[in-house]
Amino acid sequence: MMYTRWAFLLCLCLSLWVPAPVQASTGDISVVIEGFMAKQFPEARSHFWVVNRTELNAESEMVVDLNTVVVSRASHIPTENRFLLLIVEGKLAASQSIPLDAIVDCQPEQA
């Protein structure tokens, strides 16, 4: 009985001590998008955004189809924009403005 208790405690300690494999993540997407919005629209009085779609192209790479609505300080009329964001290892790697009604295929190109 004593050996089974020690074996159980040893297995428990080893399972907690040995690091588990961790998948690469793209980070907190909302923080990346808010950083993008602050840089893209520094004079905005208010804004909101909606993620239309996301595609994982690799373990650490994500493409985000994003709609934004921004109200500038000078005007009270909201402006709608659409962007594709490339997020790699939790950081914004690239952004591209696209037409609001564009059909988006976020899949990698086939060679």
C-alpha atoms as a PDB file:
ATOM      1  CA  MET A   1       0.000   0.000   0.000  1.00  0.00           C
ATOM      2  CA  MET A   2       2.841   2.355   0.857  1.00  0.00           C
ATOM      3  CA  TYR A   3       4.596   1.693  -2.485  1.00  0.00           C
ATOM      4  CA  THR A   4       1.478   2.460  -4.534  1.00  0.00           C
ATOM      5  CA  ARG A   5       1.026   5.758  -2.693  1.00  0.00           C
ATOM      6  CA  TRP A   6       4.677   6.705  -3.358  1.00  0.00           C
ATOM      7  CA  ALA A   7       4.393   5.632  -6.991  1.00  0.00           C
ATOM      8  CA  PHE A   8       1.236   7.694  -7.402  1.00  0.00           C
ATOM      9  CA  LEU A   9       2.841  10.780  -5.829  1.00  0.00           C
ATOM     10  CA  LEU A  10       5.968  10.326  -7.928  1.00  0.00           C
ATOM     11  CA  CYS A  11       3.939  10.098 -11.154  1.00  0.00           C
ATOM     12  CA  LEU A  12       1.917  13.154 -10.150  1.00  0.00           C
ATOM     13  CA  CYS A  13       5.046  15.180  -9.383  1.00  0.00           C
ATOM     14  CA  LEU A  14       6.739  14.139 -12.618  1.00  0.00           C
ATOM     15  CA  SER A  15       3.669  15.012 -14.700  1.00  0.00           C
ATOM     16  CA  LEU A  16       3.588  18.484 -13.162  1.00  0.00           C
ATOM     17  CA  TRP A  17       7.333  18.985 -13.422  1.00  0.00           C
ATOM     18  CA  VAL A  18       7.867  17.864 -17.033  1.00  0.00           C
ATOM     19  CA  PRO A  19       6.836  20.659 -19.402  1.00  0.00           C
ATOM     20  CA  ALA A  20       3.958  19.855 -21.701  1.00  0.00           C
ATOM     21  CA  PRO A  21       4.294  20.602 -25.412  1.00  0.00           C
ATOM     22  CA  VAL A  22       2.822  24.013 -26.129  1.00  0.00           C
ATOM     23  CA  GLN A  23       1.426  24.994 -29.492  1.00  0.00           C
ATOM     24  CA  ALA A  24       2.595  28.225 -31.030  1.00  0.00           C
ATOM     25  CA  SER A  25      -0.112  30.848 -30.797  1.00  0.00           C
ATOM     26  CA  THR A  26      -0.837  33.979 -32.726  1.00  0.00           C
ATOM     27  CA  GLY A  27      -1.169  35.926 -29.511  1.00  0.00           C
ATOM     28  CA  ASP A  28      -4.156  37.912 -28.365  1.00  0.00           C
ATOM     29  CA  ILE A  29      -5.800  38.964 -31.620  1.00  0.00           C
ATOM     30  CA  SER A  30      -7.790  41.788 -30.008  1.00  0.00           C
ATOM     31  CA  VAL A  31      -4.596  43.428 -28.700  1.00  0.00           C
ATOM     32  CA  VAL A  32      -2.983  43.200 -32.153  1.00  0.00           C
ATOM     33  CA  ILE A  33      -6.088  44.673 -33.813  1.00  0.00           C
ATOM     34  CA  GLU A  34      -6.336  47.521 -31.280  1.00  0.00           C
ATOM     35  CA  GLY A  35      -2.663  48.335 -31.890  1.00  0.00           C
ATOM     36  CA  PHE A  36      -3.311  48.359 -35.637  1.00  0.00           C
ATOM     37  CA  MET A  37      -6.324  50.650 -35.174  1.00  0.00           C
ATOM     38  CA  ALA A  38      -4.324  53.089 -33.032  1.00  0.00           C
ATOM     39  CA  LYS A  39      -1.587  53.324 -35.674  1.00  0.00           C
ATOM     40  CA  GLN A  40      -3.906  53.376 -38.697  1.00  0.00           C
ATOM     41  CA  PHE A  41      -6.338  55.943 -37.251  1.00  0.00           C
ATOM     42  CA  PRO A  42      -4.455  58.065 -34.692  1.00  0.00           C
ATOM     43  CA  GLU A  43      -6.978  60.924 -34.956  1.00  0.00           C
ATOM     44  CA  ALA A  44     -10.042  58.761 -34.398  1.00  0.00           C
ATOM     45  CA  ARG A  45     -12.566  59.947 -31.846  1.00  0.00           C
ATOM     46  CA  SER A  46     -14.109  56.487 -31.662  1.00  0.00           C
ATOM     47  CA  HIS A  47     -13.954  53.209 -33.511  1.00  0.00           C
ATOM     48  CA  PHE A  48     -15.110  49.643 -33.539  1.00  0.00           C
ATOM     49  CA  TRP A  49     -14.127  46.622 -35.545  1.00  0.00           C
ATOM     50  CA  VAL A  50     -15.586  43.276 -36.554  1.00  0.00           C
ATOM     51  CA  VAL A  51     -13.629  40.183 -37.537  1.00  0.00           C
ATOM     52  CA  ASN A  52     -15.311  38.708 -40.602  1.00  0.00           C
ATOM     53  CA  ARG A  53     -13.106  35.641 -40.874  1.00  0.00           C
ATOM     54  CA  THR A  54      -9.778  34.211 -39.782  1.00  0.00           C
ATOM     55  CA  GLU A  55      -7.581  31.603 -41.445  1.00  0.00           C
ATOM     56  CA  LEU A  56      -4.657  29.793 -39.867  1.00  0.00           C
ATOM     57  CA  ASN A  57      -2.005  29.341 -42.557  1.00  0.00           C
ATOM     58  CA  ALA A  58       0.583  27.856 -40.216  1.00  0.00           C
ATOM     59  CA  GLU A  59       0.891  27.255 -36.489  1.00  0.00           C
ATOM     60  CA  SER A  60       2.079  30.812 -35.899  1.00  0.00           C
ATOM     61  CA  GLU A  61       0.531  32.631 -38.877  1.00  0.00           C
ATOM     62  CA  MET A  62      -3.016  33.944 -39.179  1.00  0.00           C
ATOM     63  CA  VAL A  63      -4.855  36.058 -41.767  1.00  0.00           C
ATOM     64  CA  VAL A  64      -7.686  38.197 -40.379  1.00  0.00           C
ATOM     65  CA  ASP A  65     -10.431  39.737 -42.546  1.00  0.00           C
ATOM     66  CA  LEU A  66     -11.421  42.871 -40.621  1.00  0.00           C
ATOM     67  CA  ASN A  67     -14.144  45.503 -41.016  1.00  0.00           C
ATOM     68  CA  THR A  68     -13.638  48.802 -39.196  1.00  0.00           C
ATOM     69  CA  VAL A  69     -15.876  51.786 -38.528  1.00  0.00           C
ATOM     70  CA  VAL A  70     -14.081  54.966 -37.498  1.00  0.00           C
ATOM     71  CA  VAL A  71     -15.378  58.398 -36.474  1.00  0.00           C
ATOM     72  CA  SER A  72     -12.693  61.064 -36.821  1.00  0.00           C
ATOM     73  CA  ARG A  73     -12.346  64.032 -34.469  1.00  0.00           C
ATOM     74  CA  ALA A  74     -13.050  66.510 -37.269  1.00  0.00           C
ATOM     75  CA  SER A  75     -16.156  64.782 -38.615  1.00  0.00           C
ATOM     76  CA  HIS A  76     -19.072  63.052 -36.955  1.00  0.00           C
ATOM     77  CA  ILE A  77     -19.669  60.855 -40.003  1.00  0.00           C
ATOM     78  CA  PRO A  78     -18.486  57.257 -39.571  1.00  0.00           C
ATOM     79  CA  THR A  79     -16.176  55.821 -42.213  1.00  0.00           C
ATOM     80  CA  GLU A  80     -16.171  52.108 -42.955  1.00  0.00           C
ATOM     81  CA  ASN A  81     -12.993  50.319 -44.080  1.00  0.00           C
ATOM     82  CA  ARG A  82     -11.919  46.753 -44.640  1.00  0.00           C
ATOM     83  CA  PHE A  83      -8.475  45.254 -44.137  1.00  0.00           C
ATOM     84  CA  LEU A  84      -6.619  41.982 -44.321  1.00  0.00           C
ATOM     85  CA  LEU A  85      -4.139  41.607 -41.479  1.00  0.00           C
ATOM     86  CA  LEU A  86      -1.299  39.102 -41.383  1.00  0.00           C
ATOM     87  CA  ILE A  87      -0.447  38.181 -37.799  1.00  0.00           C
ATOM     88  CA  VAL A  88       2.748  36.166 -37.297  1.00  0.00           C
ATOM     89  CA  GLU A  89       3.800  34.968 -33.842  1.00  0.00           C
ATOM     90  CA  GLY A  90       1.423  37.396 -32.142  1.00  0.00           C
ATOM     91  CA  LYS A  91       2.622  40.478 -34.030  1.00  0.00           C
ATOM     92  CA  LEU A  92       1.185  42.386 -36.965  1.00  0.00           C
ATOM     93  CA  ALA A  93       3.390  41.529 -39.943  1.00  0.00           C
ATOM     94  CA  ALA A  94       1.379  43.191 -42.743  1.00  0.00           C
ATOM     95  CA  SER A  95      -1.900  44.894 -43.513  1.00  0.00           C
ATOM     96  CA  GLN A  96      -3.735  45.582 -46.742  1.00  0.00           C
ATOM     97  CA  SER A  97      -6.780  47.740 -47.395  1.00  0.00           C
ATOM     98  CA  ILE A  98      -9.340  45.949 -49.572  1.00  0.00           C
ATOM     99  CA  PRO A  99     -12.716  46.969 -51.056  1.00  0.00           C
ATOM    100  CA  LEU A 100     -15.700  46.560 -48.746  1.00  0.00           C
ATOM    101  CA  ASP A 101     -17.471  44.156 -51.097  1.00  0.00           C
ATOM    102  CA  ALA A 102     -14.409  42.071 -52.015  1.00  0.00           C
ATOM    103  CA  ILE A 103     -14.574  38.292 -51.929  1.00  0.00           C
ATOM    104  CA  VAL A 104     -11.623  37.166 -49.850  1.00  0.00           C
ATOM    105  CA  ASP A 105      -9.749  33.885 -50.129  1.00  0.00           C
ATOM    106  CA  CYS A 106      -7.296  33.757 -47.250  1.00  0.00           C
ATOM    107  CA  GLN A 107      -5.783  30.411 -48.292  1.00  0.00           C
ATOM    108  CA  PRO A 108      -2.084  30.188 -49.210  1.00  0.00           C
ATOM    109  CA  GLU A 109      -1.270  30.213 -52.909  1.00  0.00           C
ATOM    110  CA  GLN A 110      -0.873  26.852 -54.604  1.00  0.00           C
ATOM    111  CA  ALA A 111       2.298  26.413 -56.681  1.00  0.00           C
END
